[in-house]
């Protein structure tokens, strides 16, 4: 009898311990589950919000619209069109912050798990379908969680929220505005790229630095977290705006200050304090010059779940990077049969990534046209490749040298067939679902809010005021520069 009682007690203890462990695992993952149930509900329907801060049409906006239409994206929503909003976009880049926030504030709580892709309107091209970006976004969330766990930070409460990553900006190889005293230049995390990615002198001076500084021209994240982050950035604008500061109207400056405040707060949690770096000496006084920390009042939220796309899985910038980028096709590459773990395959040994190979290319839509090649898949197309990370990037952001917009536009595979592909996409673009990833269906936000359109008006954009502009409204006068370059 005593033996039986001991056995029951032992079994009960094991059950209690098991339940406790399961609860601990569940609790540690709770923050991941809270911000997006798209990871769990494989039969859900979500909206994809493609947002472009833009005040007027020009050739470069139309290049983005053409590339996004051909790649299968929903019609974008233009923010601040014609100078509308709190800040006139023809005079200040701050309209990107105010009008993005205004748009996000119009969305009800039922849209909190939708995905937002916010892009600069005049120097970005979309090269691969939405499902590639969405699936890579999910992958980046998972990878960043592992980095936070390694640092002992994941899911800890700090700065007014739990620490995690759900919002990703593009990554720059230089810090701009380039005042080295700013925490946005010195307090940011190390890059996730390998340490000698750009050779033995990597990180020893500016140009061969690994990308680790925030670029505000490309942002992706869920509606709720983006709304919170834009609120925090707008609060930063109101707190530190200085009429005498040279870059007072730079949206990037304020996004960087918001992010720097997050990282300084995490630094305090992880290390117990913040060790300000000595950056040099004042030439006049000889006093040491120390790094600064952002101006954040006590109790102000600082955790906004922000990180960077360090390895260009979604966003590829070009400043100090152009020499490491190549346009190539994969129809004659040969898979490597054996490779040392420390070696990367040569470019001619790269294989087309599966997420691209399994998506439908622009030339495979089944639209009959003599002007469009019949059998022309992704492997036959010129795709942009980052030679350092060996990533085929789905989006190209021409930071720095804007001359690349004219120089590299003819390299895009769809360029000779642009007009025919545009017509084909306008014929077939009224479908609600623009992507399906892990069973979750994504629809375009513009059509979802405003209804379907006749073929003659498709291929354009929506304003944030609910007005629709057809392709001809926005881009007819720029077609010569698009198709006859």
Protein backbone atom coordinates (compact mmCIF):
# COMPACT_ATOMS: atom_id res chain seq x y z
CA UNK A 1 0.00 0.00 0.00
CA UNK A 2 2.81 2.36 0.96
CA UNK A 3 4.61 1.48 -2.29
CA UNK A 4 1.47 2.26 -4.29
CA UNK A 5 1.10 5.63 -2.53
CA UNK A 6 4.70 6.49 -3.29
CA UNK A 7 4.15 5.54 -6.92
CA UNK A 8 1.07 7.80 -7.14
CA UNK A 9 2.99 10.67 -5.54
CA UNK A 10 5.89 10.18 -7.97
CA UNK A 11 3.61 10.11 -11.01
CA UNK A 12 1.78 13.20 -9.77
CA UNK A 13 5.07 15.05 -9.31
CA UNK A 14 6.19 14.15 -12.82
CA UNK A 15 2.90 15.41 -14.25
CA UNK A 16 3.17 18.69 -12.32
CA UNK A 17 6.75 19.23 -13.46
CA UNK A 18 5.81 18.46 -17.08
CA UNK A 19 2.90 20.91 -16.99
CA UNK A 20 5.16 23.56 -15.45
CA UNK A 21 7.75 23.10 -18.17
CA UNK A 22 5.13 23.24 -20.90
CA UNK A 23 3.71 26.43 -19.41
CA UNK A 24 7.19 27.97 -19.31
CA UNK A 25 7.78 27.13 -22.97
CA UNK A 26 4.36 28.51 -23.87
CA UNK A 27 4.99 31.70 -21.89
CA UNK A 28 8.37 32.28 -23.52
CA UNK A 29 6.74 32.04 -26.93
CA UNK A 30 3.65 34.05 -26.03
CA UNK A 31 4.90 37.31 -27.47
CA UNK A 32 5.47 35.66 -30.84
CA UNK A 33 1.90 34.37 -30.85
CA UNK A 34 0.40 37.66 -29.71
CA UNK A 35 1.55 39.87 -32.54
CA UNK A 36 0.40 37.73 -35.44
CA UNK A 37 -1.96 34.80 -35.54
CA UNK A 38 -1.10 34.33 -39.21
CA UNK A 39 1.63 32.00 -37.96
CA UNK A 40 -1.08 29.77 -36.46
CA UNK A 41 -4.28 30.16 -38.47
CA UNK A 42 -3.53 28.62 -41.84
CA UNK A 43 -7.00 29.31 -43.19
CA UNK A 44 -7.03 33.01 -42.39
CA UNK A 45 -7.45 35.90 -44.81
CA UNK A 46 -5.25 38.96 -44.43
CA UNK A 47 -4.72 42.19 -46.31
CA UNK A 48 -1.41 43.30 -47.81
CA UNK A 49 -0.98 47.09 -47.61
CA UNK A 50 1.50 48.45 -50.16
CA UNK A 51 2.05 52.06 -49.11
CA UNK A 52 3.96 54.66 -51.13
CA UNK A 53 4.51 58.16 -49.72
CA UNK A 54 4.24 60.16 -52.96
CA UNK A 55 3.17 63.70 -53.76
CA UNK A 56 3.12 63.57 -57.59
CA UNK A 57 3.74 61.29 -60.56
CA UNK A 58 7.02 61.12 -62.45
CA UNK A 59 9.03 58.56 -64.42
CA UNK A 60 10.53 56.96 -61.32
CA UNK A 61 7.19 56.47 -59.57
CA UNK A 62 5.93 54.85 -62.78
CA UNK A 63 8.93 52.52 -62.88
CA UNK A 64 7.93 51.30 -59.42
CA UNK A 65 4.28 50.96 -60.46
CA UNK A 66 5.22 49.03 -63.59
CA UNK A 67 7.56 46.68 -61.75
CA UNK A 68 5.05 46.07 -58.95
CA UNK A 69 2.17 45.45 -61.37
CA UNK A 70 4.16 42.97 -63.47
CA UNK A 71 5.39 41.19 -60.31
CA UNK A 72 1.79 40.73 -59.14
CA UNK A 73 1.47 43.26 -56.31
CA UNK A 74 -1.83 44.93 -55.46
CA UNK A 75 -2.36 48.51 -56.51
CA UNK A 76 -0.51 50.67 -53.97
CA UNK A 77 -1.97 53.34 -51.73
CA UNK A 78 -0.35 56.75 -52.21
CA UNK A 79 0.19 58.74 -49.02
CA UNK A 80 0.30 62.53 -48.94
CA UNK A 81 -0.63 62.87 -52.61
CA UNK A 82 -0.51 66.45 -53.90
CA UNK A 83 0.88 67.73 -50.59
CA UNK A 84 -2.08 66.48 -48.55
CA UNK A 85 -1.58 65.99 -44.80
CA UNK A 86 -0.01 67.42 -41.68
CA UNK A 87 3.33 67.95 -43.43
CA UNK A 88 3.41 68.96 -47.09
CA UNK A 89 5.45 66.25 -48.78
CA UNK A 90 6.69 68.68 -51.41
CA UNK A 91 8.52 70.51 -48.62
CA UNK A 92 9.31 67.98 -45.89
CA UNK A 93 10.08 64.27 -45.72
CA UNK A 94 8.29 64.21 -42.37
CA UNK A 95 5.06 63.59 -44.30
CA UNK A 96 6.17 59.96 -44.60
CA UNK A 97 5.84 59.66 -40.82
CA UNK A 98 2.66 61.69 -40.33
CA UNK A 99 0.70 60.32 -43.30
CA UNK A 100 1.71 56.70 -42.71
CA UNK A 101 0.49 57.08 -39.13
CA UNK A 102 -2.71 58.75 -40.31
CA UNK A 103 -3.40 55.82 -42.66
CA UNK A 104 -2.63 53.19 -40.00
CA UNK A 105 -4.97 54.97 -37.59
CA UNK A 106 -7.85 54.49 -40.05
CA UNK A 107 -7.53 50.69 -39.83
CA UNK A 108 -9.72 48.91 -37.24
CA UNK A 109 -8.35 46.39 -34.70
CA UNK A 110 -9.55 43.59 -36.98
CA UNK A 111 -6.73 44.59 -39.37
CA UNK A 112 -3.96 44.49 -36.72
CA UNK A 113 -2.40 41.33 -38.18
CA UNK A 114 -2.36 42.59 -41.75
CA UNK A 115 1.07 43.17 -43.29
CA UNK A 116 2.34 46.59 -44.34
CA UNK A 117 5.07 47.18 -46.92
CA UNK A 118 6.06 50.86 -46.92
CA UNK A 119 8.44 52.02 -49.65
CA UNK A 120 10.04 55.21 -50.90
CA UNK A 121 8.17 55.96 -54.10
CA UNK A 122 10.89 57.30 -56.38
CA UNK A 123 13.89 54.97 -56.10
CA UNK A 124 12.55 51.45 -55.49
CA UNK A 125 11.76 48.54 -57.84
CA UNK A 126 9.83 45.39 -56.94
CA UNK A 127 11.39 42.42 -58.73
CA UNK A 128 9.85 39.25 -57.27
CA UNK A 129 6.25 38.31 -56.32
CA UNK A 130 4.60 39.19 -52.99
CA UNK A 131 4.73 35.60 -51.73
CA UNK A 132 8.54 35.71 -51.83
CA UNK A 133 8.64 38.81 -49.63
CA UNK A 134 5.98 37.49 -47.24
CA UNK A 135 7.64 34.09 -46.79
CA UNK A 136 11.03 35.71 -46.26
CA UNK A 137 9.51 38.09 -43.73
CA UNK A 138 8.32 35.10 -41.68
CA UNK A 139 11.79 33.58 -41.93
CA UNK A 140 13.43 36.79 -40.73
CA UNK A 141 11.11 36.91 -37.71
CA UNK A 142 12.14 33.38 -36.76
CA UNK A 143 15.85 34.04 -37.28
CA UNK A 144 15.78 37.25 -35.28
CA UNK A 145 14.08 35.43 -32.41
CA UNK A 146 17.03 33.05 -32.25
CA UNK A 147 19.48 35.98 -32.08
CA UNK A 148 17.49 37.55 -29.26
CA UNK A 149 17.41 34.25 -27.37
CA UNK A 150 21.19 34.00 -27.73
CA UNK A 151 21.53 37.48 -26.20
CA UNK A 152 19.13 36.53 -23.39
CA UNK A 153 16.66 39.25 -24.39
CA UNK A 154 13.79 37.51 -26.14
CA UNK A 155 10.32 38.12 -24.60
CA UNK A 156 11.72 40.07 -21.64
CA UNK A 157 9.71 43.10 -20.57
CA UNK A 158 11.63 46.28 -21.23
CA UNK A 159 10.92 49.79 -22.45
CA UNK A 160 7.16 49.38 -22.19
CA UNK A 161 6.77 46.10 -24.11
CA UNK A 162 8.18 42.63 -24.65
CA UNK A 163 11.40 42.37 -26.64
CA UNK A 164 10.97 40.79 -30.06
CA UNK A 165 11.30 41.68 -33.74
CA UNK A 166 8.35 42.14 -36.07
CA UNK A 167 9.33 45.29 -37.99
CA UNK A 168 12.28 45.32 -40.39
CA UNK A 169 13.93 48.29 -42.10
CA UNK A 170 16.49 48.18 -44.88
CA UNK A 171 20.15 48.15 -43.79
CA UNK A 172 22.80 50.66 -44.85
CA UNK A 173 26.57 50.26 -44.99
CA UNK A 174 27.00 53.83 -43.76
CA UNK A 175 25.36 55.87 -41.00
CA UNK A 176 23.53 58.92 -42.30
CA UNK A 177 23.07 61.59 -41.00
CA UNK A 178 26.67 60.83 -40.12
CA UNK A 179 27.26 62.51 -36.77
CA UNK A 180 29.24 59.78 -35.03
CA UNK A 181 28.13 61.00 -31.61
CA UNK A 182 24.56 59.88 -32.27
CA UNK A 183 23.59 56.58 -30.69
CA UNK A 184 22.06 55.67 -34.05
CA UNK A 185 25.64 55.46 -35.35
CA UNK A 186 27.44 53.79 -32.41
CA UNK A 187 24.89 51.95 -30.23
CA UNK A 188 23.28 49.80 -32.91
CA UNK A 189 23.62 45.99 -32.91
CA UNK A 190 26.28 44.12 -34.81
CA UNK A 191 25.36 42.88 -38.28
CA UNK A 192 24.24 39.27 -38.62
CA UNK A 193 26.47 38.88 -41.69
CA UNK A 194 29.68 36.87 -41.29
CA UNK A 195 32.52 38.91 -39.82
CA UNK A 196 34.85 39.05 -42.83
CA UNK A 197 32.08 39.24 -45.40
CA UNK A 198 33.80 42.02 -47.37
CA UNK A 199 37.36 40.74 -46.94
CA UNK A 200 40.03 41.06 -44.24
CA UNK A 201 39.40 44.81 -43.81
CA UNK A 202 35.68 44.42 -43.19
CA UNK A 203 34.39 47.01 -40.67
CA UNK A 204 37.78 48.72 -40.44
CA UNK A 205 36.60 51.81 -42.30
CA UNK A 206 33.38 53.06 -43.81
CA UNK A 207 33.04 51.51 -47.29
CA UNK A 208 33.74 47.82 -46.52
CA UNK A 209 31.52 47.92 -43.42
CA UNK A 210 28.85 45.32 -43.00
CA UNK A 211 25.35 46.86 -43.22
CA UNK A 212 24.13 47.70 -39.72
CA UNK A 213 22.58 51.18 -39.92
CA UNK A 214 18.89 51.90 -40.43
CA UNK A 215 17.63 53.06 -43.82
CA UNK A 216 14.07 54.35 -43.66
CA UNK A 217 13.18 53.90 -47.34
CA UNK A 218 11.88 50.34 -46.96
CA UNK A 219 9.86 49.02 -43.99
CA UNK A 220 7.77 45.90 -43.41
CA UNK A 221 5.71 44.81 -40.42
CA UNK A 222 2.22 44.07 -39.07
CA UNK A 223 -0.32 46.89 -38.77
CA UNK A 224 -0.51 47.04 -34.97
CA UNK A 225 3.23 47.13 -34.39
CA UNK A 226 3.75 49.56 -37.26
CA UNK A 227 1.09 51.86 -35.79
CA UNK A 228 2.82 51.78 -32.40
CA UNK A 229 6.24 52.37 -33.97
CA UNK A 230 5.02 55.32 -36.05
CA UNK A 231 3.42 56.80 -32.95
CA UNK A 232 6.74 56.52 -31.15
CA UNK A 233 8.61 58.07 -34.07
CA UNK A 234 6.11 60.93 -34.32
CA UNK A 235 6.58 61.55 -30.60
CA UNK A 236 10.34 61.69 -31.25
CA UNK A 237 9.77 64.31 -33.96
CA UNK A 238 7.77 66.50 -31.58
CA UNK A 239 10.33 66.04 -28.80
CA UNK A 240 13.60 66.77 -30.59
CA UNK A 241 12.69 68.85 -33.65
CA UNK A 242 15.15 71.72 -33.95
CA UNK A 243 14.52 74.43 -36.53
CA UNK A 244 18.27 75.09 -36.74
CA UNK A 245 19.24 71.46 -37.39
CA UNK A 246 20.36 70.77 -40.96
CA UNK A 247 18.48 67.46 -41.24
CA UNK A 248 15.38 68.52 -39.29
CA UNK A 249 13.04 67.35 -42.09
CA UNK A 250 14.75 63.97 -42.65
CA UNK A 251 12.43 61.10 -41.77
CA UNK A 252 15.45 58.81 -41.54
CA UNK A 253 16.92 60.90 -38.73
CA UNK A 254 13.86 60.41 -36.51
CA UNK A 255 13.41 56.72 -37.32
CA UNK A 256 17.07 56.23 -36.37
CA UNK A 257 16.61 58.13 -33.11
CA UNK A 258 13.59 55.94 -32.26
CA UNK A 259 15.59 52.79 -33.00
CA UNK A 260 18.64 54.03 -31.10
CA UNK A 261 16.47 54.62 -28.01
CA UNK A 262 15.28 51.00 -28.27
CA UNK A 263 18.81 49.66 -28.55
CA UNK A 264 20.18 51.81 -25.68
CA UNK A 265 17.33 50.56 -23.48
CA UNK A 266 18.14 46.96 -24.43
CA UNK A 267 21.81 47.65 -23.73
CA UNK A 268 20.98 48.80 -20.21
CA UNK A 269 18.90 45.66 -19.62
CA UNK A 270 21.58 43.33 -20.94
CA UNK A 271 24.73 44.99 -19.55
CA UNK A 272 23.40 46.90 -16.55
CA UNK A 273 24.58 50.25 -17.91
CA UNK A 274 25.59 52.12 -21.06
CA UNK A 275 29.28 52.73 -21.62
CA UNK A 276 29.53 55.86 -23.73
CA UNK A 277 32.33 55.56 -26.31
CA UNK A 278 35.15 58.11 -26.54
CA UNK A 279 35.07 59.32 -30.12
CA UNK A 280 38.01 61.75 -30.07
CA UNK A 281 39.08 65.06 -28.56
CA UNK A 282 37.86 68.58 -29.07
CA UNK A 283 40.54 70.38 -31.06
CA UNK A 284 40.00 73.63 -29.20
CA UNK A 285 39.76 72.41 -25.61
CA UNK A 286 41.36 68.98 -25.75
CA UNK A 287 38.35 67.53 -23.92
CA UNK A 288 37.24 64.02 -24.80
CA UNK A 289 34.18 63.76 -27.06
CA UNK A 290 31.70 61.12 -25.95
CA UNK A 291 28.84 59.46 -27.75
CA UNK A 292 25.35 60.67 -26.94
CA UNK A 293 22.13 58.85 -26.07
CA UNK A 294 18.66 59.80 -27.40
CA UNK A 295 16.46 62.21 -25.48
CA UNK A 296 13.83 59.94 -23.91
CA UNK A 297 11.73 61.07 -20.92
CA UNK A 298 11.30 58.69 -17.98
CA UNK A 299 8.45 56.28 -18.61
CA UNK A 300 8.45 56.83 -22.37
CA UNK A 301 8.08 53.61 -24.34
CA UNK A 302 11.26 52.62 -26.19
CA UNK A 303 10.63 49.01 -27.31
CA UNK A 304 9.08 48.91 -30.78
CA UNK A 305 10.24 45.46 -32.03
CA UNK A 306 12.49 46.98 -34.71
CA UNK A 307 15.39 45.28 -36.47
CA UNK A 308 17.11 45.43 -39.87
CA UNK A 309 17.28 43.21 -42.92
CA UNK A 310 21.03 42.74 -42.59
CA UNK A 311 21.44 40.13 -45.33
CA UNK A 312 19.15 41.70 -47.95
CA UNK A 313 16.63 38.88 -47.79
CA UNK A 314 13.96 41.43 -48.77
CA UNK A 315 15.55 44.89 -49.07
CA UNK A 316 18.71 45.55 -51.09
CA UNK A 317 20.21 49.04 -50.80
CA UNK A 318 22.85 50.24 -53.25
CA UNK A 319 24.89 52.94 -51.45
CA UNK A 320 28.47 51.61 -51.01
CA UNK A 321 27.05 48.27 -52.21
CA UNK A 322 26.74 48.56 -56.01
CA UNK A 323 30.09 46.88 -56.71
CA UNK A 324 28.92 43.82 -54.78
CA UNK A 325 25.71 43.42 -56.82
CA UNK A 326 25.28 41.57 -60.09
CA UNK A 327 22.44 40.90 -62.52
CA UNK A 328 22.46 37.30 -63.71
CA UNK A 329 20.28 34.43 -64.89
CA UNK A 330 20.30 30.91 -63.46
CA UNK A 331 19.64 28.89 -66.62
CA UNK A 332 23.29 27.84 -67.01
CA UNK A 333 24.44 27.51 -63.42
CA UNK A 334 25.77 24.18 -62.22
CA UNK A 335 25.12 22.87 -58.72
CA UNK A 336 28.23 22.23 -56.63
CA UNK A 337 28.57 18.59 -55.61
CA UNK A 338 30.91 19.04 -52.64
CA UNK A 339 31.88 22.07 -50.65
CA UNK A 340 33.90 22.81 -47.54
CA UNK A 341 31.69 24.30 -44.81
CA UNK A 342 33.78 27.49 -44.76
CA UNK A 343 33.49 28.08 -48.51
CA UNK A 344 30.72 29.71 -50.48
CA UNK A 345 29.85 28.44 -53.95
CA UNK A 346 30.88 30.53 -56.94
CA UNK A 347 28.21 32.54 -58.73
CA UNK A 348 28.07 29.98 -61.54
CA UNK A 349 27.31 27.33 -58.91
CA UNK A 350 24.38 29.14 -57.32
CA UNK A 351 20.98 27.55 -57.65
CA UNK A 352 17.74 29.47 -58.02
CA UNK A 353 16.18 29.68 -54.53
CA UNK A 354 13.17 27.46 -54.05
CA UNK A 355 10.86 30.29 -52.99
CA UNK A 356 11.47 31.92 -56.37
CA UNK A 357 11.49 28.73 -58.45
CA UNK A 358 8.06 27.70 -57.12
CA UNK A 359 6.40 31.08 -57.73
CA UNK A 360 4.74 31.96 -61.03
CA UNK A 361 6.93 34.20 -63.22
CA UNK A 362 5.50 37.18 -65.15
CA UNK A 363 5.87 35.24 -68.42
CA UNK A 364 3.91 32.27 -67.12
CA UNK A 365 0.51 33.81 -66.52
CA UNK A 366 -1.14 31.96 -69.40
CA UNK A 367 -2.04 35.14 -71.26
CA UNK A 368 -1.87 34.65 -75.02
CA UNK A 369 0.25 37.31 -76.69
CA UNK A 370 2.76 37.17 -79.51
CA UNK A 371 4.70 39.95 -77.76
CA UNK A 372 5.38 37.80 -74.66
CA UNK A 373 7.74 34.79 -74.72
CA UNK A 374 5.81 31.60 -74.12
CA UNK A 375 8.25 29.58 -72.02
CA UNK A 376 10.35 31.96 -70.01
CA UNK A 377 10.76 31.08 -66.34
CA UNK A 378 12.61 32.65 -63.42
CA UNK A 379 15.80 30.76 -64.31
CA UNK A 380 15.88 32.52 -67.68
CA UNK A 381 15.38 36.00 -66.27
CA UNK A 382 18.03 38.50 -65.18
CA UNK A 383 17.76 38.67 -61.40
CA UNK A 384 19.61 40.84 -58.91
CA UNK A 385 22.09 38.94 -56.72
CA UNK A 386 24.03 40.14 -53.70
CA UNK A 387 27.42 38.51 -54.27
CA UNK A 388 28.35 38.69 -50.57
CA UNK A 389 25.23 37.12 -49.07
CA UNK A 390 24.42 35.28 -52.34
CA UNK A 391 20.82 36.39 -51.91
CA UNK A 392 18.53 36.94 -54.90
CA UNK A 393 16.86 40.12 -53.69
CA UNK A 394 13.14 40.77 -54.37
CA UNK A 395 13.38 44.53 -53.98
CA UNK A 396 16.03 47.04 -55.07
CA UNK A 397 16.39 50.42 -53.36
CA UNK A 398 18.69 52.84 -55.17
CA UNK A 399 20.23 54.73 -52.28
CA UNK A 400 23.21 56.98 -52.92
CA UNK A 401 23.82 57.18 -56.67
CA UNK A 402 20.41 57.91 -58.22
CA UNK A 403 21.98 57.50 -61.66
CA UNK A 404 21.48 53.75 -61.21
CA UNK A 405 17.79 54.27 -61.91
CA UNK A 406 18.59 55.00 -65.56
CA UNK A 407 21.68 52.81 -65.82
CA UNK A 408 20.14 49.57 -64.54
CA UNK A 409 16.50 49.89 -65.67
CA UNK A 410 17.25 48.25 -69.07
CA UNK A 411 18.81 45.26 -67.25
CA UNK A 412 15.45 44.09 -65.93
CA UNK A 413 14.23 41.06 -67.86
CA UNK A 414 10.72 42.37 -68.36
CA UNK A 415 11.97 45.64 -69.89
CA UNK A 416 11.71 44.63 -73.59
CA UNK A 417 8.22 43.21 -72.96
CA UNK A 418 7.03 45.81 -70.46
CA UNK A 419 4.05 47.13 -72.36
CA UNK A 420 2.71 43.69 -73.26
CA UNK A 421 3.22 42.41 -69.69
CA UNK A 422 1.47 45.46 -68.28
CA UNK A 423 -1.55 44.80 -70.50
CA UNK A 424 -1.56 41.14 -69.53
CA UNK A 425 -1.39 41.93 -65.83
CA UNK A 426 -4.16 44.51 -66.09
CA UNK A 427 -6.34 41.82 -67.64
CA UNK A 428 -5.71 39.40 -64.78
CA UNK A 429 -5.11 41.67 -61.79
CA UNK A 430 -8.68 41.81 -60.49
CA UNK A 431 -8.24 38.61 -58.47
CA UNK A 432 -8.61 39.22 -54.75
CA UNK A 433 -5.72 37.01 -53.63
CA UNK A 434 -2.25 38.35 -54.45
CA UNK A 435 -0.30 35.76 -52.42
CA UNK A 436 -0.78 32.57 -50.46
CA UNK A 437 1.88 31.68 -47.89
CA UNK A 438 1.61 28.79 -45.43
CA UNK A 439 -2.08 28.56 -46.21
CA UNK A 440 -2.75 32.22 -45.37
CA UNK A 441 -4.34 34.17 -48.22
CA UNK A 442 -3.33 37.79 -48.76
CA UNK A 443 -5.52 40.29 -50.60
CA UNK A 444 -4.72 43.79 -51.76
CA UNK A 445 -5.86 46.47 -49.32
CA UNK A 446 -6.95 48.97 -51.99
CA UNK A 447 -9.39 46.62 -53.70
CA UNK A 448 -10.59 45.30 -50.34
CA UNK A 449 -11.52 48.82 -49.24
CA UNK A 450 -12.88 50.18 -52.49
CA UNK A 451 -14.12 47.30 -54.63
CA UNK A 452 -13.07 45.83 -57.98
CA UNK A 453 -12.30 47.87 -61.07
CA UNK A 454 -12.92 47.56 -64.80
CA UNK A 455 -9.93 46.51 -66.89
CA UNK A 456 -9.56 49.96 -68.45
CA UNK A 457 -8.70 51.55 -65.11
CA UNK A 458 -6.48 48.88 -63.52
CA UNK A 459 -2.75 49.10 -63.02
CA UNK A 460 -2.86 52.42 -61.23
CA UNK A 461 -3.01 53.37 -57.56
CA UNK A 462 -5.29 54.54 -54.75
CA UNK A 463 -4.87 57.72 -52.76
CA UNK A 464 -5.15 57.57 -48.98
CA UNK A 465 -8.33 59.62 -49.46
CA UNK A 466 -9.98 56.74 -51.34
CA UNK A 467 -9.58 58.13 -54.86
CA UNK A 468 -8.48 55.81 -57.65
CA UNK A 469 -6.02 56.79 -60.36
CA UNK A 470 -5.81 54.60 -63.44
CA UNK A 471 -2.52 53.72 -65.09
CA UNK A 472 -3.20 56.38 -67.73
CA UNK A 473 -3.94 58.98 -65.05
CA UNK A 474 -0.55 58.50 -63.44
CA UNK A 475 1.83 57.16 -66.05
CA UNK A 476 0.58 57.67 -69.63
CA UNK A 477 2.84 60.69 -70.17
CA UNK A 478 5.89 58.73 -68.92
CA UNK A 479 5.47 55.62 -71.08
CA UNK A 480 8.18 56.61 -73.53
CA UNK A 481 10.78 56.56 -70.74
CA UNK A 482 9.38 53.27 -69.46
CA UNK A 483 9.15 51.23 -72.65
CA UNK A 484 11.48 52.86 -75.16
CA UNK A 485 14.53 53.43 -73.01
